[in-house]
N, C-alpha and C. Protein backbone atom coordinates (compact mmCIF):
# COMPACT_ATOMS: atom_id res chain seq x y z
N MET A 1 11.84 4.66 55.72
CA MET A 1 10.95 4.99 54.60
C MET A 1 11.72 5.11 53.30
N LEU A 2 12.91 5.79 53.37
CA LEU A 2 13.73 5.94 52.17
C LEU A 2 14.22 4.59 51.66
N LYS A 3 14.55 3.68 52.61
CA LYS A 3 15.01 2.35 52.21
C LYS A 3 13.92 1.61 51.47
N LYS A 4 12.67 1.76 51.95
CA LYS A 4 11.55 1.08 51.30
C LYS A 4 11.33 1.64 49.90
N LEU A 5 11.41 2.98 49.78
CA LEU A 5 11.24 3.59 48.47
C LEU A 5 12.34 3.16 47.52
N TYR A 6 13.58 3.10 48.04
CA TYR A 6 14.71 2.71 47.21
C TYR A 6 14.56 1.27 46.75
N LEU A 7 14.12 0.39 47.66
CA LEU A 7 13.92 -1.01 47.32
C LEU A 7 12.82 -1.16 46.29
N SER A 8 11.73 -0.40 46.47
CA SER A 8 10.63 -0.45 45.50
C SER A 8 11.11 0.01 44.13
N PHE A 9 11.95 1.05 44.11
CA PHE A 9 12.48 1.54 42.85
C PHE A 9 13.33 0.47 42.17
N LEU A 10 14.18 -0.21 42.94
CA LEU A 10 15.04 -1.26 42.37
C LEU A 10 14.22 -2.40 41.79
N ILE A 11 13.15 -2.78 42.49
CA ILE A 11 12.30 -3.86 42.00
C ILE A 11 11.64 -3.46 40.68
N CYS A 12 11.08 -2.24 40.65
CA CYS A 12 10.42 -1.77 39.42
C CYS A 12 11.42 -1.64 38.29
N PHE A 13 12.62 -1.12 38.62
CA PHE A 13 13.63 -0.93 37.58
C PHE A 13 14.09 -2.27 37.01
N SER A 14 14.25 -3.28 37.89
CA SER A 14 14.69 -4.59 37.42
C SER A 14 13.65 -5.21 36.50
N PHE A 15 12.37 -5.03 36.81
CA PHE A 15 11.32 -5.54 35.93
C PHE A 15 11.37 -4.83 34.58
N PHE A 16 11.65 -3.52 34.62
CA PHE A 16 11.69 -2.74 33.38
C PHE A 16 12.87 -3.17 32.51
N VAL A 17 14.04 -3.37 33.15
CA VAL A 17 15.24 -3.71 32.40
C VAL A 17 15.23 -5.16 31.96
N LEU A 18 14.92 -6.04 32.91
CA LEU A 18 14.97 -7.46 32.60
C LEU A 18 13.73 -7.90 31.84
N GLY A 19 12.57 -7.58 32.39
CA GLY A 19 11.31 -7.90 31.72
C GLY A 19 11.17 -9.38 31.41
N ASP A 20 10.29 -9.64 30.50
CA ASP A 20 10.05 -11.00 30.03
C ASP A 20 11.10 -11.35 29.00
N PRO A 21 11.81 -12.49 29.16
CA PRO A 21 12.82 -12.88 28.17
C PRO A 21 12.27 -12.94 26.75
N GLU A 22 10.97 -13.22 26.61
CA GLU A 22 10.37 -13.28 25.28
C GLU A 22 10.46 -11.93 24.57
N ASP A 23 10.43 -10.84 25.38
CA ASP A 23 10.49 -9.50 24.80
C ASP A 23 11.87 -9.18 24.23
N LYS A 24 12.89 -9.94 24.63
CA LYS A 24 14.26 -9.66 24.21
C LYS A 24 14.65 -10.43 22.94
N ILE A 25 13.78 -11.30 22.47
CA ILE A 25 14.10 -12.09 21.28
C ILE A 25 14.06 -11.20 20.05
N VAL A 26 15.10 -11.27 19.26
CA VAL A 26 15.18 -10.51 18.02
C VAL A 26 14.99 -11.47 16.85
N TYR A 27 13.98 -11.22 16.05
CA TYR A 27 13.71 -12.05 14.89
C TYR A 27 14.29 -11.39 13.65
N VAL A 28 15.00 -12.15 12.86
CA VAL A 28 15.62 -11.64 11.64
C VAL A 28 14.92 -12.24 10.44
N VAL A 29 14.42 -11.38 9.57
CA VAL A 29 13.77 -11.83 8.35
C VAL A 29 14.70 -11.49 7.18
N LYS A 30 15.15 -12.50 6.48
CA LYS A 30 16.08 -12.30 5.38
C LYS A 30 15.36 -12.46 4.04
N PRO A 31 15.71 -11.63 3.06
CA PRO A 31 15.10 -11.77 1.74
C PRO A 31 15.62 -13.01 1.03
N ASN A 32 14.77 -13.62 0.20
CA ASN A 32 15.23 -14.76 -0.59
C ASN A 32 15.25 -14.44 -2.07
N ALA A 33 14.94 -13.18 -2.42
CA ALA A 33 14.98 -12.77 -3.82
C ALA A 33 15.08 -11.25 -3.88
N GLU A 34 15.55 -10.75 -5.01
CA GLU A 34 15.68 -9.31 -5.20
C GLU A 34 15.28 -8.95 -6.62
N THR A 35 14.47 -7.91 -6.75
CA THR A 35 14.01 -7.49 -8.08
C THR A 35 15.14 -6.82 -8.84
N PRO A 36 15.01 -6.75 -10.17
CA PRO A 36 15.97 -5.96 -10.95
C PRO A 36 15.83 -4.48 -10.57
N GLN A 37 16.86 -3.70 -10.87
CA GLN A 37 16.82 -2.27 -10.59
C GLN A 37 15.79 -1.59 -11.47
N VAL A 38 15.10 -0.60 -10.91
CA VAL A 38 14.14 0.16 -11.70
C VAL A 38 14.90 1.07 -12.66
N ILE A 39 14.19 1.61 -13.66
CA ILE A 39 14.88 2.36 -14.70
C ILE A 39 15.35 3.73 -14.24
N SER A 40 14.73 4.28 -13.20
CA SER A 40 15.10 5.61 -12.72
C SER A 40 16.23 5.53 -11.70
N ASN A 41 17.06 6.56 -11.67
CA ASN A 41 18.16 6.63 -10.72
C ASN A 41 17.71 7.34 -9.44
N GLY A 42 18.50 7.16 -8.39
CA GLY A 42 18.22 7.85 -7.14
C GLY A 42 17.10 7.20 -6.35
N ASP A 43 16.45 8.01 -5.54
CA ASP A 43 15.36 7.54 -4.67
C ASP A 43 14.11 7.36 -5.51
N ALA A 44 13.96 6.18 -6.11
CA ALA A 44 12.85 5.96 -7.04
C ALA A 44 11.99 4.77 -6.65
N ALA A 45 12.62 3.61 -6.39
CA ALA A 45 11.84 2.42 -6.03
C ALA A 45 11.18 2.65 -4.68
N ASP A 46 9.88 2.34 -4.59
CA ASP A 46 9.17 2.68 -3.36
C ASP A 46 8.23 1.57 -2.93
N ASP A 47 7.34 1.92 -1.97
CA ASP A 47 6.50 0.94 -1.28
C ASP A 47 5.79 -0.02 -2.23
N PRO A 48 5.86 -1.32 -1.95
CA PRO A 48 5.13 -2.29 -2.76
C PRO A 48 3.74 -2.60 -2.20
N ALA A 49 2.92 -3.20 -3.02
CA ALA A 49 1.62 -3.73 -2.59
C ALA A 49 1.57 -5.18 -3.05
N ILE A 50 1.20 -6.07 -2.16
CA ILE A 50 1.21 -7.51 -2.47
C ILE A 50 -0.22 -8.00 -2.66
N TRP A 51 -0.45 -8.61 -3.82
CA TRP A 51 -1.76 -9.21 -4.10
C TRP A 51 -1.69 -10.70 -3.80
N ILE A 52 -2.47 -11.15 -2.81
CA ILE A 52 -2.54 -12.57 -2.47
C ILE A 52 -3.55 -13.22 -3.40
N ASN A 53 -3.08 -14.14 -4.21
CA ASN A 53 -3.93 -14.85 -5.16
C ASN A 53 -4.63 -15.99 -4.42
N ASN A 54 -5.89 -15.81 -4.09
CA ASN A 54 -6.62 -16.84 -3.35
C ASN A 54 -6.99 -18.04 -4.20
N ILE A 55 -6.84 -17.90 -5.51
CA ILE A 55 -7.08 -19.04 -6.40
C ILE A 55 -5.84 -19.92 -6.47
N SER A 56 -4.68 -19.29 -6.52
CA SER A 56 -3.40 -20.00 -6.59
C SER A 56 -2.35 -19.13 -5.92
N THR A 57 -2.08 -19.38 -4.64
CA THR A 57 -1.21 -18.48 -3.87
C THR A 57 0.20 -18.39 -4.44
N THR A 58 0.68 -19.44 -5.09
CA THR A 58 2.02 -19.40 -5.66
C THR A 58 2.10 -18.43 -6.83
N ASN A 59 0.96 -18.03 -7.35
CA ASN A 59 0.92 -17.06 -8.44
C ASN A 59 0.45 -15.69 -7.95
N SER A 60 0.78 -15.37 -6.72
CA SER A 60 0.50 -14.04 -6.20
C SER A 60 1.42 -13.02 -6.87
N LEU A 61 1.09 -11.75 -6.73
CA LEU A 61 1.83 -10.69 -7.44
C LEU A 61 2.28 -9.60 -6.48
N ILE A 62 3.34 -8.91 -6.89
CA ILE A 62 3.85 -7.76 -6.15
C ILE A 62 3.87 -6.57 -7.10
N PHE A 63 3.25 -5.47 -6.67
CA PHE A 63 3.27 -4.23 -7.46
C PHE A 63 4.19 -3.24 -6.75
N GLY A 64 5.12 -2.68 -7.49
CA GLY A 64 6.05 -1.71 -6.92
C GLY A 64 6.12 -0.46 -7.77
N THR A 65 6.28 0.68 -7.11
CA THR A 65 6.32 1.94 -7.86
C THR A 65 7.75 2.38 -8.12
N ASP A 66 7.95 2.95 -9.29
CA ASP A 66 9.11 3.79 -9.59
C ASP A 66 8.56 5.21 -9.51
N LYS A 67 8.91 5.92 -8.47
CA LYS A 67 8.28 7.22 -8.19
C LYS A 67 8.49 8.25 -9.30
N LYS A 68 9.42 7.96 -10.20
CA LYS A 68 9.70 8.89 -11.28
C LYS A 68 9.23 8.38 -12.64
N SER A 69 8.52 7.24 -12.61
CA SER A 69 8.23 6.63 -13.91
C SER A 69 6.90 5.88 -14.01
N GLY A 70 6.63 4.93 -13.11
CA GLY A 70 5.42 4.14 -13.26
C GLY A 70 5.34 2.99 -12.28
N VAL A 71 4.71 1.90 -12.73
CA VAL A 71 4.44 0.75 -11.85
C VAL A 71 5.00 -0.53 -12.47
N TYR A 72 5.71 -1.29 -11.65
CA TYR A 72 6.23 -2.60 -12.04
C TYR A 72 5.36 -3.69 -11.43
N THR A 73 5.33 -4.84 -12.10
CA THR A 73 4.68 -6.04 -11.57
C THR A 73 5.72 -7.15 -11.49
N TYR A 74 5.76 -7.84 -10.34
CA TYR A 74 6.72 -8.92 -10.12
C TYR A 74 5.99 -10.17 -9.65
N ASP A 75 6.60 -11.33 -9.92
CA ASP A 75 6.10 -12.56 -9.32
C ASP A 75 6.79 -12.75 -7.97
N LEU A 76 6.50 -13.86 -7.30
CA LEU A 76 7.04 -14.07 -5.96
C LEU A 76 8.52 -14.42 -5.96
N ASN A 77 9.08 -14.65 -7.14
CA ASN A 77 10.52 -14.88 -7.26
C ASN A 77 11.26 -13.60 -7.65
N ALA A 78 10.55 -12.47 -7.60
CA ALA A 78 11.10 -11.15 -7.90
C ALA A 78 11.40 -10.94 -9.37
N ASN A 79 10.83 -11.78 -10.23
CA ASN A 79 10.98 -11.58 -11.66
C ASN A 79 10.02 -10.49 -12.14
N LYS A 80 10.51 -9.59 -12.96
CA LYS A 80 9.64 -8.56 -13.52
C LYS A 80 8.77 -9.18 -14.60
N ILE A 81 7.44 -9.08 -14.44
CA ILE A 81 6.54 -9.63 -15.45
C ILE A 81 5.69 -8.54 -16.09
N GLY A 82 5.94 -7.29 -15.69
CA GLY A 82 5.19 -6.19 -16.30
C GLY A 82 5.69 -4.84 -15.85
N TYR A 83 5.50 -3.85 -16.70
CA TYR A 83 5.84 -2.46 -16.36
C TYR A 83 4.96 -1.54 -17.19
N THR A 84 4.45 -0.50 -16.57
CA THR A 84 3.64 0.49 -17.27
C THR A 84 4.13 1.88 -16.91
N LYS A 85 4.44 2.68 -17.93
CA LYS A 85 4.87 4.05 -17.72
C LYS A 85 3.64 4.89 -17.43
N LEU A 86 3.56 5.41 -16.22
CA LEU A 86 2.35 6.12 -15.78
C LEU A 86 2.64 7.52 -15.26
N GLY A 87 3.92 7.89 -15.17
CA GLY A 87 4.26 9.16 -14.55
C GLY A 87 4.78 8.96 -13.14
N ASN A 88 4.70 10.00 -12.34
CA ASN A 88 5.24 9.96 -10.99
C ASN A 88 4.24 9.32 -10.02
N ILE A 89 4.24 8.00 -10.01
CA ILE A 89 3.37 7.25 -9.09
C ILE A 89 4.13 7.07 -7.78
N ASN A 90 3.69 7.75 -6.73
CA ASN A 90 4.44 7.72 -5.48
C ASN A 90 4.20 6.44 -4.69
N ASN A 91 2.96 6.15 -4.37
CA ASN A 91 2.63 4.96 -3.57
C ASN A 91 1.51 4.16 -4.24
N ILE A 92 1.41 2.90 -3.82
CA ILE A 92 0.39 2.02 -4.37
C ILE A 92 -0.12 1.12 -3.25
N ASP A 93 -1.40 0.79 -3.29
CA ASP A 93 -1.99 -0.12 -2.31
C ASP A 93 -3.19 -0.79 -2.96
N LEU A 94 -3.65 -1.89 -2.37
CA LEU A 94 -4.77 -2.62 -2.97
C LEU A 94 -5.60 -3.31 -1.91
N ARG A 95 -6.82 -3.64 -2.31
CA ARG A 95 -7.73 -4.44 -1.49
C ARG A 95 -8.53 -5.36 -2.40
N SER A 96 -8.66 -6.61 -1.97
CA SER A 96 -9.50 -7.58 -2.68
C SER A 96 -10.81 -7.71 -1.92
N VAL A 97 -11.91 -7.65 -2.65
CA VAL A 97 -13.24 -7.64 -2.03
C VAL A 97 -14.15 -8.61 -2.76
N ASN A 98 -14.88 -9.42 -1.99
CA ASN A 98 -15.87 -10.32 -2.58
C ASN A 98 -17.19 -9.57 -2.69
N LEU A 99 -17.63 -9.34 -3.92
CA LEU A 99 -18.85 -8.57 -4.17
C LEU A 99 -20.06 -9.48 -4.39
N ASP A 100 -20.22 -10.44 -3.52
CA ASP A 100 -21.38 -11.35 -3.52
C ASP A 100 -21.60 -11.98 -4.90
N ASP A 101 -22.69 -11.62 -5.56
CA ASP A 101 -23.05 -12.25 -6.83
C ASP A 101 -22.10 -11.90 -7.96
N PHE A 102 -21.30 -10.87 -7.78
CA PHE A 102 -20.41 -10.41 -8.85
C PHE A 102 -19.03 -11.05 -8.79
N GLY A 103 -18.74 -11.80 -7.75
CA GLY A 103 -17.44 -12.44 -7.63
C GLY A 103 -16.43 -11.58 -6.87
N SER A 104 -15.17 -12.00 -6.92
CA SER A 104 -14.11 -11.32 -6.18
C SER A 104 -13.34 -10.38 -7.09
N TYR A 105 -13.15 -9.15 -6.63
CA TYR A 105 -12.45 -8.13 -7.40
C TYR A 105 -11.32 -7.53 -6.56
N THR A 106 -10.30 -7.05 -7.25
CA THR A 106 -9.20 -6.36 -6.58
C THR A 106 -9.15 -4.91 -7.05
N PHE A 107 -9.04 -4.01 -6.08
CA PHE A 107 -9.01 -2.57 -6.33
C PHE A 107 -7.59 -2.07 -6.05
N ILE A 108 -6.93 -1.59 -7.08
CA ILE A 108 -5.56 -1.10 -6.96
C ILE A 108 -5.57 0.42 -7.01
N PHE A 109 -5.12 1.05 -5.92
CA PHE A 109 -5.07 2.51 -5.82
C PHE A 109 -3.62 2.99 -5.92
N ALA A 110 -3.44 4.15 -6.54
CA ALA A 110 -2.11 4.75 -6.62
C ALA A 110 -2.21 6.26 -6.48
N SER A 111 -1.20 6.86 -5.85
CA SER A 111 -1.13 8.33 -5.76
C SER A 111 -0.27 8.82 -6.93
N ASN A 112 -0.90 9.57 -7.82
CA ASN A 112 -0.25 10.03 -9.05
C ASN A 112 0.14 11.50 -8.90
N ARG A 113 1.44 11.74 -8.74
CA ARG A 113 1.92 13.10 -8.53
C ARG A 113 1.96 13.90 -9.84
N THR A 114 2.00 13.21 -10.96
CA THR A 114 1.99 13.91 -12.24
C THR A 114 0.67 14.62 -12.47
N THR A 115 -0.42 13.96 -12.11
CA THR A 115 -1.76 14.51 -12.34
C THR A 115 -2.45 14.96 -11.05
N SER A 116 -1.75 14.88 -9.91
CA SER A 116 -2.33 15.22 -8.60
C SER A 116 -3.66 14.49 -8.39
N SER A 117 -3.63 13.20 -8.63
CA SER A 117 -4.88 12.43 -8.60
C SER A 117 -4.73 11.13 -7.83
N LEU A 118 -5.87 10.59 -7.45
CA LEU A 118 -5.98 9.24 -6.91
C LEU A 118 -6.45 8.36 -8.07
N ASP A 119 -5.61 7.41 -8.47
CA ASP A 119 -5.93 6.54 -9.60
C ASP A 119 -6.38 5.18 -9.10
N LEU A 120 -7.36 4.60 -9.78
CA LEU A 120 -7.93 3.31 -9.37
C LEU A 120 -8.07 2.39 -10.57
N TRP A 121 -7.53 1.17 -10.42
CA TRP A 121 -7.72 0.10 -11.40
C TRP A 121 -8.53 -1.01 -10.73
N ILE A 122 -9.47 -1.57 -11.47
CA ILE A 122 -10.32 -2.64 -10.93
C ILE A 122 -10.16 -3.88 -11.80
N TYR A 123 -9.87 -5.01 -11.15
CA TYR A 123 -9.67 -6.27 -11.87
C TYR A 123 -10.49 -7.38 -11.23
N GLU A 124 -11.02 -8.26 -12.06
CA GLU A 124 -11.58 -9.51 -11.55
C GLU A 124 -10.43 -10.39 -11.10
N ASP A 125 -10.57 -11.04 -9.97
CA ASP A 125 -9.49 -11.89 -9.47
C ASP A 125 -9.18 -13.05 -10.40
N GLU A 126 -10.20 -13.57 -11.06
CA GLU A 126 -9.96 -14.66 -12.02
C GLU A 126 -9.11 -14.18 -13.19
N ALA A 127 -9.34 -12.96 -13.63
CA ALA A 127 -8.54 -12.40 -14.72
C ALA A 127 -7.10 -12.15 -14.25
N MET A 128 -6.95 -11.67 -13.02
CA MET A 128 -5.61 -11.46 -12.48
C MET A 128 -4.86 -12.78 -12.34
N ASP A 129 -5.57 -13.82 -11.93
CA ASP A 129 -4.97 -15.14 -11.80
C ASP A 129 -4.45 -15.63 -13.15
N ALA A 130 -5.25 -15.47 -14.18
CA ALA A 130 -4.84 -15.91 -15.52
C ALA A 130 -3.61 -15.14 -16.00
N LEU A 131 -3.59 -13.83 -15.77
CA LEU A 131 -2.45 -13.02 -16.18
C LEU A 131 -1.21 -13.36 -15.37
N ALA A 132 -1.39 -13.63 -14.08
CA ALA A 132 -0.26 -14.00 -13.24
C ALA A 132 0.36 -15.31 -13.71
N LYS A 133 -0.48 -16.27 -14.07
CA LYS A 133 0.03 -17.56 -14.56
C LYS A 133 0.72 -17.43 -15.90
N SER A 134 0.32 -16.45 -16.70
CA SER A 134 0.94 -16.23 -18.00
C SER A 134 2.27 -15.49 -17.89
N LYS A 135 2.57 -14.99 -16.69
CA LYS A 135 3.78 -14.21 -16.42
C LYS A 135 3.82 -12.92 -17.23
N LYS A 136 2.64 -12.38 -17.51
CA LYS A 136 2.54 -11.10 -18.21
C LYS A 136 1.41 -10.30 -17.57
N PHE A 137 1.79 -9.27 -16.85
CA PHE A 137 0.77 -8.43 -16.21
C PHE A 137 1.23 -6.98 -16.25
N ASN A 138 0.62 -6.21 -17.11
CA ASN A 138 0.88 -4.78 -17.19
C ASN A 138 -0.38 -4.03 -16.78
N ILE A 139 -0.27 -3.19 -15.76
CA ILE A 139 -1.40 -2.34 -15.41
C ILE A 139 -1.71 -1.44 -16.61
N GLU A 140 -3.01 -1.25 -16.87
CA GLU A 140 -3.40 -0.44 -18.02
C GLU A 140 -2.89 1.00 -17.89
N ASN A 141 -2.63 1.62 -19.05
CA ASN A 141 -2.19 3.02 -19.06
C ASN A 141 -3.26 3.95 -18.50
N ASN A 142 -4.50 3.62 -18.77
CA ASN A 142 -5.61 4.44 -18.28
C ASN A 142 -6.31 3.72 -17.13
N PRO A 143 -6.33 4.34 -15.95
CA PRO A 143 -7.01 3.71 -14.82
C PRO A 143 -8.51 3.61 -15.05
N SER A 144 -9.15 2.73 -14.30
CA SER A 144 -10.60 2.59 -14.39
C SER A 144 -11.29 3.88 -13.97
N PHE A 145 -10.75 4.52 -12.92
CA PHE A 145 -11.29 5.79 -12.44
C PHE A 145 -10.15 6.65 -11.92
N LYS A 146 -10.36 7.95 -11.96
CA LYS A 146 -9.35 8.90 -11.49
C LYS A 146 -10.06 10.01 -10.71
N GLY A 147 -9.55 10.29 -9.52
CA GLY A 147 -10.12 11.36 -8.70
C GLY A 147 -9.16 12.52 -8.57
N SER A 148 -9.59 13.72 -8.91
CA SER A 148 -8.74 14.90 -8.81
C SER A 148 -8.67 15.37 -7.36
N THR A 149 -7.47 15.44 -6.79
CA THR A 149 -7.32 15.70 -5.36
C THR A 149 -7.08 17.17 -5.03
N ASN A 150 -6.53 17.94 -5.97
CA ASN A 150 -6.16 19.34 -5.73
C ASN A 150 -5.13 19.50 -4.62
N ILE A 151 -4.33 18.46 -4.39
CA ILE A 151 -3.20 18.54 -3.47
C ILE A 151 -2.01 17.86 -4.14
N ILE A 152 -0.80 18.12 -3.61
CA ILE A 152 0.37 17.39 -4.08
C ILE A 152 0.37 16.06 -3.34
N VAL A 153 -0.02 15.00 -4.01
CA VAL A 153 -0.29 13.73 -3.34
C VAL A 153 1.00 13.05 -2.88
N TYR A 154 0.85 12.20 -1.87
CA TYR A 154 2.00 11.46 -1.34
C TYR A 154 1.62 9.99 -1.11
N GLY A 155 1.17 9.66 0.09
CA GLY A 155 0.87 8.26 0.39
C GLY A 155 -0.57 7.89 0.12
N VAL A 156 -0.81 6.58 -0.02
CA VAL A 156 -2.18 6.08 -0.23
C VAL A 156 -2.36 4.79 0.56
N CYS A 157 -3.54 4.61 1.11
CA CYS A 157 -3.87 3.40 1.86
C CYS A 157 -5.29 2.98 1.53
N ALA A 158 -5.45 1.76 1.05
CA ALA A 158 -6.77 1.25 0.66
C ALA A 158 -7.39 0.45 1.79
N GLY A 159 -8.72 0.38 1.78
CA GLY A 159 -9.41 -0.38 2.81
C GLY A 159 -10.84 -0.68 2.42
N TYR A 160 -11.55 -1.28 3.36
CA TYR A 160 -12.97 -1.58 3.15
C TYR A 160 -13.72 -1.20 4.41
N ASP A 161 -14.80 -0.45 4.24
CA ASP A 161 -15.62 0.02 5.35
C ASP A 161 -17.04 -0.51 5.19
N GLN A 162 -17.65 -0.93 6.30
CA GLN A 162 -19.00 -1.49 6.24
C GLN A 162 -20.02 -0.49 5.71
N GLU A 163 -19.81 0.78 6.00
CA GLU A 163 -20.75 1.80 5.54
C GLU A 163 -20.44 2.29 4.13
N PHE A 164 -19.17 2.57 3.87
CA PHE A 164 -18.81 3.21 2.61
C PHE A 164 -18.28 2.25 1.55
N GLY A 165 -18.02 0.99 1.93
CA GLY A 165 -17.50 0.03 0.96
C GLY A 165 -16.01 0.21 0.74
N VAL A 166 -15.57 0.14 -0.51
CA VAL A 166 -14.15 0.28 -0.84
C VAL A 166 -13.74 1.74 -0.65
N ILE A 167 -12.70 1.95 0.15
CA ILE A 167 -12.25 3.31 0.45
C ILE A 167 -10.74 3.43 0.25
N ALA A 168 -10.27 4.66 0.21
CA ALA A 168 -8.83 4.93 0.17
C ALA A 168 -8.56 6.26 0.85
N PHE A 169 -7.46 6.30 1.60
CA PHE A 169 -6.98 7.54 2.19
C PHE A 169 -5.74 7.98 1.42
N ILE A 170 -5.66 9.26 1.12
CA ILE A 170 -4.51 9.79 0.40
C ILE A 170 -3.99 11.01 1.14
N THR A 171 -2.66 11.08 1.33
CA THR A 171 -2.06 12.17 2.08
C THR A 171 -1.34 13.13 1.13
N GLU A 172 -1.04 14.31 1.66
CA GLU A 172 -0.34 15.29 0.83
C GLU A 172 1.12 15.41 1.24
N ASP A 173 1.95 15.79 0.28
CA ASP A 173 3.34 16.09 0.54
C ASP A 173 3.43 17.52 1.06
N GLU A 174 4.36 17.75 2.00
CA GLU A 174 4.57 19.11 2.51
C GLU A 174 3.32 19.66 3.21
N GLY A 175 2.53 18.81 3.79
CA GLY A 175 1.34 19.28 4.50
C GLY A 175 0.70 18.15 5.27
N SER A 176 -0.34 18.47 6.05
CA SER A 176 -0.95 17.47 6.93
C SER A 176 -2.34 17.05 6.50
N ARG A 177 -2.79 17.49 5.32
CA ARG A 177 -4.14 17.14 4.89
C ARG A 177 -4.23 15.68 4.46
N VAL A 178 -5.33 15.05 4.83
CA VAL A 178 -5.64 13.68 4.42
C VAL A 178 -7.03 13.67 3.81
N GLN A 179 -7.16 13.02 2.67
CA GLN A 179 -8.46 12.90 2.02
C GLN A 179 -8.95 11.45 2.11
N MET A 180 -10.24 11.29 2.37
CA MET A 180 -10.87 9.97 2.39
C MET A 180 -11.80 9.87 1.18
N TRP A 181 -11.53 8.87 0.34
CA TRP A 181 -12.32 8.65 -0.88
C TRP A 181 -13.06 7.33 -0.79
N SER A 182 -14.18 7.23 -1.51
CA SER A 182 -14.90 5.97 -1.60
C SER A 182 -15.20 5.66 -3.06
N TYR A 183 -15.43 4.38 -3.32
CA TYR A 183 -15.77 3.94 -4.68
C TYR A 183 -17.17 3.35 -4.71
N ASP A 184 -17.93 3.71 -5.75
CA ASP A 184 -19.17 3.00 -6.06
C ASP A 184 -19.26 2.88 -7.58
N GLU A 185 -20.38 2.40 -8.07
CA GLU A 185 -20.50 2.14 -9.51
C GLU A 185 -20.36 3.40 -10.35
N ASN A 186 -20.49 4.56 -9.73
CA ASN A 186 -20.35 5.82 -10.46
C ASN A 186 -18.92 6.36 -10.47
N GLY A 187 -18.05 5.71 -9.72
CA GLY A 187 -16.66 6.14 -9.70
C GLY A 187 -16.18 6.49 -8.30
N LEU A 188 -15.22 7.42 -8.23
CA LEU A 188 -14.62 7.83 -6.97
C LEU A 188 -15.26 9.11 -6.45
N SER A 189 -15.50 9.14 -5.15
CA SER A 189 -16.09 10.32 -4.52
C SER A 189 -15.27 10.72 -3.30
N LEU A 190 -14.99 12.01 -3.17
CA LEU A 190 -14.29 12.52 -2.00
C LEU A 190 -15.29 12.65 -0.85
N LEU A 191 -15.05 11.91 0.24
CA LEU A 191 -15.97 11.93 1.38
C LEU A 191 -15.64 13.03 2.37
N LYS A 192 -14.35 13.17 2.69
CA LYS A 192 -13.98 14.18 3.67
C LYS A 192 -12.49 14.49 3.57
N THR A 193 -12.12 15.65 4.09
CA THR A 193 -10.72 16.06 4.21
C THR A 193 -10.47 16.48 5.65
N PHE A 194 -9.36 16.01 6.23
CA PHE A 194 -9.04 16.38 7.61
C PHE A 194 -7.53 16.54 7.75
N ASN A 195 -7.11 17.17 8.84
CA ASN A 195 -5.69 17.36 9.13
C ASN A 195 -5.20 16.26 10.07
N ASN A 196 -4.02 15.75 9.78
CA ASN A 196 -3.46 14.66 10.57
C ASN A 196 -2.48 15.20 11.60
N ALA A 197 -2.97 16.05 12.49
CA ALA A 197 -2.17 16.57 13.61
C ALA A 197 -0.83 17.14 13.15
N ASN A 198 -0.84 17.84 12.04
CA ASN A 198 0.36 18.50 11.50
C ASN A 198 1.47 17.52 11.14
N ALA A 199 1.13 16.26 10.90
CA ALA A 199 2.12 15.27 10.49
C ALA A 199 2.15 15.18 8.97
N ALA A 200 3.25 15.60 8.37
CA ALA A 200 3.37 15.57 6.92
C ALA A 200 3.85 14.21 6.44
N GLN A 201 3.50 13.85 5.22
CA GLN A 201 3.95 12.62 4.55
C GLN A 201 3.63 11.38 5.38
N SER A 202 2.52 11.37 6.10
CA SER A 202 2.20 10.23 6.96
C SER A 202 1.27 9.27 6.26
């Protein structure tokens, strides 16, 4: 009986260690460009958001935050084509949505630690395409809408929900609270607040 158990263990262990050779393949992704250094020193450059230009993909854009200063705009060759001083913008994310008769729009969300707010800029994709081709794109100093969070904001994630439409989740620093916001023609509305299993900065 012990021999059978031992043999079964060896078979299971060999499958676990050896597994499928496909699982052992390591893929290396190398950068082909690098942006200029941001103006702030230390831990400042942070998560980017990539806008896929469906009109002209070669003119897509990358938005990156300087957590101590504002938002940069880059082309796909990592050239800086815009910068706006906005304060302590921690994270940025975006979603492009086709609004039927109104055309395609892009919603850019950012977590603003200076004002403890969720900031939202709204652009027509055709306008973004024109600005991208001109190599000049500065996010406006004043967002289209701003939602007061009453928390020390950290991360932000944008999305689209069949029921609520354009949404964004924003997390707090030094805590586990997460807020879910939605957008409509009247602006930003806080839908709910919940705890993320005591996981901070998630």
